[in-house]
Amino acid sequence: MSRHLKTEHKSMTRREFMAGIIAAGSLVACGGSSALTSTITSPQKKQRPNIILMMTDDMGWGDVGWNGNTIIKTPHLDNLANSGVRLDRFYSGAPVCSPTRATCLTGRHYFRYGIWKANQGALPTQEVTLPEMLKQAGYTTGHFGKWHLGSPNRKYTGKNSGDKHLALPEWFGYDEHFVTHHAVATWDPYGPTGEKAATTENPYWHNGERVIDNVNGDDSRIMMDRILPFVNQSVEAEKPFFTVIWFHAPHAPVKAGPDYQAMYSQYTELEQNYYGCITALDDQVGRLKTELTNLGVLDDTMLWFCSDNGPEKGRPGVTGGHRGRKRSLFSGGVGSPAFLHWPAGPAKQGSIMERPASTLDYFPTIMETLEVDLPDHRALDGLNIMPLLSGDESKRSKPIPFRFQSGKGSMYGSPTAGMIDDRYKFLTNYSDTGEEDMLFDLYEDRYEENNIIADHPDHAQKLKTELKRFLASAEKSHSGGDYGDPDFEPLSKWSPTLGGWKVSNKQRIKKKKK
């Protein structure tokens, strides 16, 4: 049966399709088969932690206390990070929003399904997602906050709308969803009394219905007011839950409430709003932690935290000294503050993992931890990092691919394709001469100041070859090669272009201020 994006195939919703698949799975014992259920083994109860994927929007690596920020107050996040495992070299899947979000749910690079940039493309229904797999493994699934993977509602009329861009959350395994398409203001997103909620083109949609109540004040609080009932109901039903929490803060329009602005009164108005909205978000994380504690499930909740990319240009966010910002493949654009808090898990709590990890790793790590298998042999670009977290392995065995194109200035002069192995980072534009190619030793030079490609040409060539292999595989995936669906048509053409500019390889001699 085809799972196609074209609107003429929408007489059956994804939820209806999945229900049919699950029903078909009951025929396995009688000699039938189901591609999406026959390979799933139900994990034992002790192997079924609650799972939370929490992400901020445009937050810099240095915007949190545990990474050295002494201005922005993030006590609840700091507590979770310092009592969990700090992921010191964690990378967003992309240097912008929508592509990174897609990697979180699929474990696959966004070039495989054409979400090239923010507000471009739509997640194909042929992609297998975390909520889809976990729902079949007995989880209750929810998504709260930003969606940004296509149009979340047939009545949505904003940017990237229309039937061809439909990607309804319920098609991807979600039982409950409270989402906006793109960013909203972080305080009074629909006016002081919520008066604009009835007419805005970018409202909150709760399970497909426009939301007009309880939408004023702090946006992170608006979200948490919906998240906590979902958590309570799941625990009361004695079902493990999986929930995605994608905050809007500190993405523009950046605004903090009066009390939060007052906490930073000695700073500029922009800084008051930026710092304040992050502290407001942190307070809501504190609410969540308190609720999980009171319900007795905090220890067995796998709580991941990261940002979708680096800080936006012109905002007070800081990269902690890393080169570049949002849209750059330098670490200031893809380096993210991150942690895993899971006291009942195998990783040593209160530790720091210095090996590289990525949002691409969420899918394979969770699936292998729960002993749940993919229904087919499609390529995954992430890695199960639980052996790294637990100390059973000491080196990352699979490189992390990067590919993004924008203007030279907006990318802070970084090349447009790259790859990180356990130690080295390679960047290239694939020019004929290769003169813009870069290689950094991230253990010795985490700020990417010294291009050492002349000293290690063989290692650079190895990563360049691996990167070409990845791009060839991604092009095959983009054409539908992983789906087995003869009706599949990609929403947009393959994007093979690489930047044509030359990148300066001059060494920087000063680090950016933290």
Protein backbone atom coordinates (compact mmCIF):
# COMPACT_ATOMS: atom_id res chain seq x y z
CA MET A 1 0.00 0.00 0.00
CA SER A 2 1.40 3.40 -0.96
CA ARG A 3 1.96 6.10 1.61
CA HIS A 4 2.09 9.00 -0.82
CA LEU A 5 2.01 12.73 -0.24
CA LYS A 6 -0.22 13.68 -3.14
CA THR A 7 -3.64 14.90 -2.05
CA GLU A 8 -5.56 12.37 -4.10
CA HIS A 9 -4.18 9.72 -1.73
CA LYS A 10 -5.51 11.48 1.35
CA SER A 11 -8.84 9.69 1.47
CA MET A 12 -7.07 7.46 3.99
CA THR A 13 -5.26 9.33 6.73
CA ARG A 14 -1.92 8.16 8.05
CA ARG A 15 -3.58 7.24 11.33
CA GLU A 16 -6.09 5.08 9.44
CA PHE A 17 -3.26 3.57 7.46
CA MET A 18 -1.33 2.77 10.64
CA ALA A 19 -4.42 1.24 12.20
CA GLY A 20 -4.65 -1.02 9.18
CA ILE A 21 -1.01 -1.95 9.48
CA ILE A 22 -1.42 -2.79 13.18
CA ALA A 23 -4.47 -4.88 12.38
CA ALA A 24 -2.52 -6.62 9.64
CA GLY A 25 0.16 -7.43 12.20
CA SER A 26 -2.30 -9.69 13.99
CA LEU A 27 -2.24 -11.93 10.90
CA VAL A 28 1.45 -12.73 11.32
CA ALA A 29 0.76 -15.71 13.55
CA CYS A 30 -1.57 -17.05 10.88
CA GLY A 31 0.97 -16.77 8.11
CA GLY A 32 0.38 -13.13 7.14
CA SER A 33 3.00 -10.37 7.31
CA SER A 34 3.29 -6.67 8.05
CA ALA A 35 6.29 -4.58 7.09
CA LEU A 36 5.88 -2.22 10.01
CA THR A 37 4.98 -4.66 12.77
CA SER A 38 6.49 -8.04 12.04
CA THR A 39 9.98 -6.86 13.02
CA ILE A 40 8.98 -5.08 16.21
CA THR A 41 9.61 -6.91 19.45
CA SER A 42 7.73 -5.53 22.44
CA PRO A 43 10.30 -4.49 25.02
CA GLN A 44 9.95 -5.62 28.61
CA LYS A 45 8.44 -3.07 30.99
CA LYS A 46 11.79 -2.46 32.67
CA GLN A 47 13.19 -1.50 29.26
CA ARG A 48 10.50 1.08 28.57
CA PRO A 49 11.53 4.42 30.06
CA ASN A 50 9.48 7.49 29.37
CA ILE A 51 11.19 9.53 26.66
CA ILE A 52 11.29 13.30 26.25
CA LEU A 53 13.01 15.14 23.39
CA MET A 54 13.29 18.76 24.49
CA MET A 55 14.67 21.43 22.18
CA THR A 56 15.08 25.19 22.25
CA ASP A 57 15.06 27.43 19.18
CA ASP A 58 18.16 29.44 18.19
CA MET A 59 19.89 28.98 21.56
CA GLY A 60 23.68 29.26 21.58
CA TRP A 61 26.07 26.72 23.08
CA GLY A 62 27.06 29.36 25.64
CA ASP A 63 23.55 30.50 26.62
CA VAL A 64 23.31 28.14 29.64
CA GLY A 65 24.95 28.08 33.03
CA TRP A 66 26.52 24.65 32.71
CA ASN A 67 28.49 25.88 29.69
CA GLY A 68 29.79 28.89 31.58
CA ASN A 69 27.16 31.60 31.14
CA THR A 70 27.16 33.79 34.25
CA ILE A 71 24.36 36.15 33.17
CA ILE A 72 21.41 34.05 32.00
CA LYS A 73 19.76 32.21 34.88
CA THR A 74 19.05 28.58 33.95
CA PRO A 75 19.07 26.77 37.32
CA HIS A 76 16.65 23.97 36.41
CA LEU A 77 18.39 23.11 33.15
CA ASP A 78 21.75 23.33 34.92
CA ASN A 79 20.57 20.91 37.59
CA LEU A 80 19.37 18.38 35.02
CA ALA A 81 22.56 18.72 32.98
CA ASN A 82 24.93 18.46 35.94
CA SER A 83 23.07 15.53 37.49
CA GLY A 84 22.80 13.78 34.12
CA VAL A 85 25.33 13.40 31.31
CA ARG A 86 26.52 16.60 29.69
CA LEU A 87 27.05 16.10 25.97
CA ASP A 88 29.98 18.43 25.48
CA ARG A 89 30.39 17.96 21.72
CA PHE A 90 26.80 17.71 20.56
CA TYR A 91 25.71 18.88 17.11
CA SER A 92 22.36 19.84 15.67
CA GLY A 93 21.65 18.00 12.44
CA ALA A 94 21.68 21.30 10.55
CA PRO A 95 22.52 24.97 11.16
CA VAL A 96 18.83 25.93 10.77
CA CYS A 97 15.49 24.86 12.16
CA SER A 98 13.34 22.58 9.99
CA PRO A 99 16.14 20.25 8.80
CA THR A 100 17.36 19.62 12.36
CA ARG A 101 13.86 18.80 13.53
CA ALA A 102 13.49 16.22 10.80
CA THR A 103 16.72 14.51 11.87
CA CYS A 104 15.42 14.21 15.44
CA LEU A 105 12.42 12.16 14.36
CA THR A 106 13.99 10.02 11.62
CA GLY A 107 17.69 9.48 12.38
CA ARG A 108 18.25 10.39 8.73
CA HIS A 109 19.86 13.43 7.15
CA TYR A 110 17.38 15.90 5.70
CA PHE A 111 18.95 15.67 2.25
CA ARG A 112 17.36 12.23 2.01
CA TYR A 113 13.84 13.73 1.92
CA GLY A 114 14.26 17.30 0.69
CA ILE A 115 13.81 19.54 3.73
CA TRP A 116 16.67 21.74 2.57
CA LYS A 117 16.08 24.79 4.76
CA ALA A 118 13.57 26.32 7.19
CA ASN A 119 10.04 26.49 5.75
CA GLN A 120 10.97 24.31 2.78
CA GLY A 121 9.56 20.92 1.89
CA ALA A 122 7.49 18.59 4.03
CA LEU A 123 8.34 15.37 5.82
CA PRO A 124 7.24 12.54 3.51
CA THR A 125 4.81 10.06 5.01
CA GLN A 126 7.12 7.32 3.76
CA GLU A 127 9.65 8.28 6.43
CA VAL A 128 9.53 6.10 9.56
CA THR A 129 9.49 8.26 12.69
CA LEU A 130 10.19 7.82 16.38
CA PRO A 131 6.59 8.42 17.51
CA GLU A 132 5.35 5.95 14.92
CA MET A 133 7.70 3.21 16.10
CA LEU A 134 7.22 3.91 19.79
CA LYS A 135 3.44 3.98 19.50
CA GLN A 136 3.58 0.46 18.12
CA ALA A 137 5.84 -0.51 21.03
CA GLY A 138 3.14 0.51 23.50
CA TYR A 139 3.92 4.19 24.09
CA THR A 140 1.53 7.12 24.29
CA THR A 141 2.93 9.82 22.00
CA GLY A 142 2.69 13.60 22.05
CA HIS A 143 4.19 16.64 20.30
CA PHE A 144 4.12 20.12 21.84
CA GLY A 145 5.39 23.42 20.44
CA LYS A 146 6.90 24.19 17.07
CA TRP A 147 6.26 21.74 14.21
CA HIS A 148 8.01 23.25 11.14
CA LEU A 149 8.07 20.00 9.13
CA GLY A 150 5.36 20.99 6.70
CA SER A 151 1.82 22.30 7.06
CA PRO A 152 0.34 20.98 10.36
CA ASN A 153 -3.30 21.57 9.48
CA ARG A 154 -5.45 21.65 6.36
CA LYS A 155 -6.75 25.09 7.42
CA TYR A 156 -3.28 26.55 7.90
CA THR A 157 -2.73 29.44 5.45
CA GLY A 158 0.72 30.81 6.32
CA LYS A 159 4.10 30.24 4.69
CA ASN A 160 4.73 26.77 3.30
CA SER A 161 0.99 26.04 3.29
CA GLY A 162 -1.15 24.24 0.74
CA ASP A 163 -1.96 20.60 0.08
CA LYS A 164 1.43 19.67 -1.34
CA HIS A 165 3.10 20.80 1.89
CA LEU A 166 0.77 18.92 4.23
CA ALA A 167 2.54 16.96 6.96
CA LEU A 168 -0.07 16.51 9.68
CA PRO A 169 1.38 15.37 13.03
CA GLU A 170 -1.15 12.53 13.31
CA TRP A 171 0.27 11.00 10.12
CA PHE A 172 3.54 10.37 11.96
CA GLY A 173 2.30 8.44 14.98
CA TYR A 174 1.24 11.18 17.39
CA ASP A 175 -1.71 10.56 19.73
CA GLU A 176 -1.76 14.18 20.88
CA HIS A 177 -0.29 17.33 19.37
CA PHE A 178 -0.36 21.00 20.36
CA VAL A 179 1.60 22.79 17.66
CA THR A 180 2.29 25.93 15.68
CA HIS A 181 3.71 25.80 12.18
CA HIS A 182 6.54 28.26 12.84
CA ALA A 183 7.79 30.66 15.51
CA VAL A 184 5.50 32.87 17.57
CA ALA A 185 6.40 35.65 19.99
CA THR A 186 7.73 34.28 23.25
CA TRP A 187 5.40 36.52 25.31
CA ASP A 188 1.74 37.23 24.49
CA PRO A 189 2.05 35.47 21.12
CA TYR A 190 -1.53 36.43 20.20
CA GLY A 191 -1.84 39.72 22.08
CA PRO A 192 -2.22 40.58 25.79
CA THR A 193 -5.55 38.80 26.07
CA GLY A 194 -5.03 36.28 23.29
CA GLU A 195 -7.40 38.26 21.09
CA LYS A 196 -5.52 37.50 17.86
CA ALA A 197 -5.66 33.73 18.29
CA ALA A 198 -8.95 33.49 16.41
CA THR A 199 -7.60 35.17 13.27
CA THR A 200 -3.83 34.60 13.11
CA GLU A 201 -2.48 32.54 10.22
CA ASN A 202 -0.12 30.77 12.64
CA PRO A 203 -2.22 29.66 15.63
CA TYR A 204 -1.72 26.80 18.02
CA TRP A 205 -3.56 23.73 16.78
CA HIS A 206 -4.55 21.18 19.44
CA ASN A 207 -5.30 17.84 17.83
CA GLY A 208 -6.28 19.69 14.67
CA GLU A 209 -8.47 22.37 16.27
CA ARG A 210 -7.55 26.06 16.46
CA VAL A 211 -6.78 27.11 20.05
CA ILE A 212 -8.15 30.42 21.35
CA ASP A 213 -8.08 29.91 25.14
CA ASN A 214 -5.14 30.20 27.55
CA VAL A 215 -2.76 31.59 24.93
CA ASN A 216 -1.53 34.79 26.60
CA GLY A 217 1.53 35.42 28.74
CA ASP A 218 4.69 33.34 28.51
CA ASP A 219 4.66 30.98 25.53
CA SER A 220 6.71 28.31 27.30
CA ARG A 221 4.08 28.33 30.06
CA ILE A 222 1.31 28.06 27.47
CA MET A 223 2.98 24.89 26.22
CA MET A 224 3.67 23.41 29.65
CA ASP A 225 0.02 23.83 30.64
CA ARG A 226 -0.75 21.27 27.91
CA ILE A 227 2.26 19.03 28.48
CA LEU A 228 1.64 18.30 32.16
CA PRO A 229 -1.89 16.86 31.65
CA PHE A 230 -0.53 14.63 28.88
CA VAL A 231 2.19 13.33 31.22
CA ASN A 232 -0.28 12.83 34.07
CA GLN A 233 -2.75 10.93 31.93
CA SER A 234 -0.04 8.66 30.56
CA VAL A 235 1.30 7.82 34.02
CA GLU A 236 -2.21 7.28 35.37
CA ALA A 237 -2.89 4.87 32.50
CA GLU A 238 0.37 3.06 33.36
CA LYS A 239 1.69 3.53 29.84
CA PRO A 240 5.15 4.81 28.99
CA PHE A 241 5.06 8.10 27.14
CA PHE A 242 7.11 9.68 24.39
CA THR A 243 6.83 13.42 23.99
CA VAL A 244 8.56 16.02 21.87
CA ILE A 245 8.79 19.49 23.46
CA TRP A 246 10.02 22.06 20.98
CA PHE A 247 10.05 25.48 22.67
CA HIS A 248 9.92 28.68 20.61
CA ALA A 249 12.34 30.53 22.88
CA PRO A 250 14.67 32.26 22.23
CA HIS A 251 13.69 32.59 18.54
CA ALA A 252 12.43 35.98 17.35
CA PRO A 253 10.04 37.64 18.06
CA VAL A 254 11.92 37.62 21.38
CA LYS A 255 9.89 39.01 24.26
CA ALA A 256 9.89 38.40 28.01
CA GLY A 257 7.24 39.25 30.58
CA PRO A 258 7.75 42.22 32.92
CA ASP A 259 8.96 40.11 35.85
CA TYR A 260 11.54 38.36 33.70
CA GLN A 261 12.71 41.61 32.12
CA ALA A 262 13.15 43.05 35.61
CA MET A 263 15.58 40.25 36.47
CA TYR A 264 17.96 41.74 33.87
CA SER A 265 17.17 45.44 34.27
CA GLN A 266 20.85 46.47 34.02
CA TYR A 267 21.02 45.28 30.41
CA THR A 268 19.61 46.62 27.13
CA GLU A 269 15.96 46.01 26.29
CA LEU A 270 16.90 43.37 23.71
CA GLU A 271 19.08 41.60 26.26
CA GLN A 272 16.34 41.79 28.90
CA ASN A 273 13.93 40.09 26.53
CA TYR A 274 16.42 37.48 25.32
CA TYR A 275 17.75 36.55 28.74
CA GLY A 276 14.29 36.76 30.29
CA CYS A 277 12.58 34.44 27.82
CA ILE A 278 15.27 31.80 28.42
CA THR A 279 14.81 32.05 32.19
CA ALA A 280 11.04 31.81 31.69
CA LEU A 281 11.61 28.64 29.66
CA ASP A 282 13.87 27.31 32.41
CA ASP A 283 11.10 27.85 34.97
CA GLN A 284 8.79 25.69 32.88
CA VAL A 285 11.43 22.96 32.73
CA GLY A 286 11.41 23.20 36.53
CA ARG A 287 7.64 22.65 36.52
CA LEU A 288 8.09 19.56 34.40
CA LYS A 289 10.83 18.15 36.62
CA THR A 290 8.69 18.72 39.73
CA GLU A 291 5.75 16.95 38.12
CA LEU A 292 7.87 13.97 37.06
CA THR A 293 9.30 13.79 40.58
CA ASN A 294 5.88 13.92 42.23
CA LEU A 295 4.61 11.21 39.91
CA GLY A 296 7.60 9.04 40.82
CA VAL A 297 8.82 8.70 37.22
CA LEU A 298 11.75 11.13 36.97
CA ASP A 299 14.43 8.48 37.46
CA ASP A 300 13.10 6.33 34.65
CA THR A 301 12.51 9.15 32.20
CA MET A 302 15.03 9.55 29.40
CA LEU A 303 15.14 13.34 29.01
CA TRP A 304 17.21 14.71 26.13
CA PHE A 305 17.88 18.42 25.67
CA CYS A 306 19.48 20.43 22.85
CA SER A 307 19.05 23.45 20.59
CA ASP A 308 18.09 23.25 16.92
CA ASN A 309 21.07 25.39 15.80
CA GLY A 310 23.31 28.20 16.97
CA PRO A 311 22.25 31.73 17.91
CA GLU A 312 20.80 34.11 15.33
CA LYS A 313 22.83 37.02 14.04
CA GLY A 314 22.01 40.28 15.80
CA ARG A 315 20.73 38.54 18.93
CA PRO A 316 22.46 38.45 22.33
CA GLY A 317 22.96 34.69 22.18
CA VAL A 318 26.56 33.49 22.50
CA THR A 319 28.41 30.52 21.05
CA GLY A 320 30.82 30.07 23.95
CA GLY A 321 33.72 31.07 21.71
CA HIS A 322 32.83 28.78 18.80
CA ARG A 323 33.25 30.09 15.28
CA GLY A 324 30.21 31.19 13.28
CA ARG A 325 26.53 31.36 14.20
CA LYS A 326 23.21 30.09 12.85
CA ARG A 327 23.46 28.97 9.17
CA SER A 328 27.18 28.20 9.43
CA LEU A 329 28.71 24.73 9.42
CA PHE A 330 31.31 25.98 11.85
CA SER A 331 30.56 24.88 15.41
CA GLY A 332 28.91 28.16 16.32
CA GLY A 333 26.17 27.21 13.86
CA VAL A 334 25.79 23.51 14.63
CA GLY A 335 27.28 23.16 18.12
CA SER A 336 24.50 22.81 20.69
CA PRO A 337 24.15 22.83 24.48
CA ALA A 338 22.95 19.33 25.27
CA PHE A 339 22.49 16.67 27.92
CA LEU A 340 20.80 13.37 28.69
CA HIS A 341 19.19 13.01 32.12
CA TRP A 342 18.23 9.40 32.86
CA PRO A 343 19.17 8.25 36.38
CA ALA A 344 17.94 4.69 35.76
CA GLY A 345 19.93 4.40 32.53
CA PRO A 346 23.37 2.86 32.03
CA ALA A 347 25.30 6.13 31.73
CA LYS A 348 27.18 7.52 34.73
CA GLN A 349 25.18 10.46 36.05
CA GLY A 350 27.10 13.64 36.77
CA SER A 351 29.55 12.92 33.96
CA ILE A 352 30.61 14.65 30.75
CA MET A 353 30.75 12.84 27.41
CA GLU A 354 33.33 14.44 25.13
CA ARG A 355 32.79 12.21 22.12
CA PRO A 356 30.74 13.78 19.31
CA ALA A 357 27.01 13.14 19.10
CA SER A 358 24.14 14.52 17.05
CA THR A 359 20.37 14.84 16.77
CA LEU A 360 20.74 12.12 14.13
CA ASP A 361 21.60 9.78 17.01
CA TYR A 362 18.28 10.05 18.85
CA PHE A 363 16.46 7.56 16.63
CA PRO A 364 19.01 4.70 16.60
CA THR A 365 19.90 5.19 20.29
CA ILE A 366 16.28 4.97 21.45
CA MET A 367 15.37 2.15 19.08
CA GLU A 368 18.34 -0.03 20.05
CA THR A 369 17.92 0.72 23.75
CA LEU A 370 14.33 -0.51 23.53
CA GLU A 371 15.32 -3.37 21.18
CA VAL A 372 12.89 -2.17 18.53
CA ASP A 373 13.89 -2.78 14.90
CA LEU A 374 13.26 -0.77 11.77
CA PRO A 375 10.75 -2.37 9.38
CA ASP A 376 13.24 -2.29 6.49
CA HIS A 377 16.91 -1.75 5.67
CA ARG A 378 16.83 1.96 4.84
CA ALA A 379 19.96 3.92 5.67
CA LEU A 380 20.26 5.62 9.04
CA ASP A 381 22.80 8.39 9.41
CA GLY A 382 22.87 8.40 13.20
CA LEU A 383 24.52 6.05 15.68
CA ASN A 384 23.43 4.32 18.88
CA ILE A 385 25.50 6.34 21.34
CA MET A 386 24.43 4.47 24.48
CA PRO A 387 27.72 2.45 24.50
CA LEU A 388 29.60 5.77 24.42
CA LEU A 389 27.44 7.16 27.20
CA SER A 390 27.91 4.09 29.37
CA GLY A 391 31.65 3.87 28.72
CA ASP A 392 31.44 0.49 26.97
CA GLU A 393 32.94 2.15 23.90
CA SER A 394 35.52 4.94 23.81
CA LYS A 395 35.37 6.14 20.21
CA ARG A 396 32.62 7.18 17.81
CA SER A 397 32.52 4.64 14.99
CA LYS A 398 30.30 6.51 12.50
CA PRO A 399 30.90 10.01 11.09
CA ILE A 400 28.32 12.80 11.24
CA PRO A 401 27.48 14.33 7.81
CA PHE A 402 26.64 17.99 7.19
CA ARG A 403 25.30 19.72 4.11
CA PHE A 404 23.76 23.17 3.91
CA GLN A 405 23.86 26.08 1.52
CA SER A 406 23.17 29.74 2.04
CA GLY A 407 25.11 32.89 1.18
CA LYS A 408 28.78 33.12 2.03
CA GLY A 409 28.18 35.91 4.53
CA SER A 410 25.25 34.22 6.24
CA MET A 411 27.34 31.05 6.58
CA TYR A 412 30.20 33.04 8.13
CA GLY A 413 32.45 31.84 5.33
CA SER A 414 32.12 28.15 6.11
CA PRO A 415 32.10 25.63 3.25
CA THR A 416 28.78 23.97 2.48
CA ALA A 417 29.47 20.28 3.14
CA GLY A 418 31.29 18.52 5.91
CA MET A 419 31.81 15.49 8.08
CA ILE A 420 32.92 14.89 11.66
CA ASP A 421 34.47 11.62 12.71
CA ASP A 422 35.54 10.90 16.27
CA ARG A 423 38.24 13.57 16.28
CA TYR A 424 38.42 15.51 13.04
CA LYS A 425 36.09 17.82 11.16
CA PHE A 426 36.38 18.18 7.40
CA LEU A 427 34.68 20.94 5.36
CA THR A 428 34.57 21.40 1.60
CA ASN A 429 32.86 23.09 -1.35
CA TYR A 430 34.12 20.41 -3.77
CA SER A 431 35.85 22.97 -5.95
CA ASP A 432 38.23 21.70 -8.65
CA THR A 433 41.28 22.85 -6.72
CA GLY A 434 40.07 22.02 -3.23
CA GLU A 435 41.82 25.13 -1.99
CA GLU A 436 38.90 25.99 0.30
CA ASP A 437 38.94 22.58 2.04
CA MET A 438 39.42 22.62 5.80
CA LEU A 439 40.37 20.07 8.44
CA PHE A 440 40.24 20.71 12.17
CA ASP A 441 41.33 18.62 15.14
CA LEU A 442 38.38 19.32 17.42
CA TYR A 443 40.05 17.85 20.50
CA GLU A 444 43.01 20.17 20.21
CA ASP A 445 41.17 23.05 18.52
CA ARG A 446 37.47 23.06 19.36
CA TYR A 447 37.17 26.70 18.18
CA GLU A 448 38.28 25.77 14.64
CA GLU A 449 41.10 28.30 14.48
CA ASN A 450 43.78 26.22 12.77
CA ASN A 451 43.24 24.50 9.44
CA ILE A 452 45.58 21.49 9.54
CA ILE A 453 44.71 19.96 6.17
CA ALA A 454 48.27 20.35 4.89
CA ASP A 455 49.49 18.18 7.76
CA HIS A 456 46.86 15.46 7.33
CA PRO A 457 45.96 15.24 3.62
CA ASP A 458 45.23 11.51 3.76
CA HIS A 459 42.70 11.88 6.56
CA ALA A 460 41.04 14.79 4.76
CA GLN A 461 40.80 12.73 1.58
CA LYS A 462 39.29 9.83 3.52
CA LEU A 463 36.53 12.06 4.90
CA LYS A 464 36.01 13.69 1.51
CA THR A 465 35.48 10.27 -0.05
CA GLU A 466 33.10 9.29 2.75
CA LEU A 467 31.19 12.52 2.24
CA LYS A 468 30.81 11.85 -1.49
CA ARG A 469 29.50 8.40 -0.67
CA PHE A 470 26.95 9.88 1.72
CA LEU A 471 25.76 12.43 -0.85
CA ALA A 472 25.30 9.71 -3.47
CA SER A 473 23.27 7.67 -0.99
CA ALA A 474 21.20 10.72 -0.04
CA GLU A 475 20.41 11.44 -3.70
CA LYS A 476 19.16 7.88 -4.11
CA SER A 477 16.99 8.25 -1.01
CA HIS A 478 15.63 11.58 -2.22
CA SER A 479 14.34 9.95 -5.40
CA GLY A 480 12.42 7.39 -3.32
CA GLY A 481 14.99 4.61 -3.40
CA ASP A 482 14.36 3.65 0.24
CA TYR A 483 10.59 3.56 0.11
CA GLY A 484 9.55 0.78 -2.25
CA ASP A 485 6.70 3.05 -3.37
CA PRO A 486 6.38 3.26 -7.17
CA ASP A 487 4.05 6.27 -6.86
CA PHE A 488 6.46 8.37 -4.82
CA GLU A 489 7.52 11.70 -6.30
CA PRO A 490 9.85 14.03 -4.41
CA LEU A 491 8.35 17.41 -3.59
CA SER A 492 11.34 19.24 -5.08
CA LYS A 493 14.35 18.52 -7.25
CA TRP A 494 17.58 17.18 -5.79
CA SER A 495 19.87 19.97 -4.60
CA PRO A 496 23.40 19.07 -5.73
CA THR A 497 24.89 22.58 -5.68
CA LEU A 498 27.83 23.38 -3.50
CA GLY A 499 29.14 26.83 -2.70
CA GLY A 500 31.30 28.43 -5.35
CA TRP A 501 33.12 30.90 -3.14
CA LYS A 502 36.66 30.56 -1.88
CA VAL A 503 37.10 30.29 1.85
CA SER A 504 39.95 32.01 3.63
CA ASN A 505 42.20 29.55 5.43
CA LYS A 506 43.98 32.20 7.45
CA GLN A 507 44.35 31.26 11.08
CA ARG A 508 42.41 33.28 13.60
CA ILE A 509 44.55 34.32 16.50
CA LYS A 510 41.88 35.33 18.97
CA LYS A 511 38.96 33.41 20.39
CA LYS A 512 35.60 35.02 20.50
CA LYS A 513 34.62 36.23 23.92
CA LYS A 514 32.45 33.84 25.88
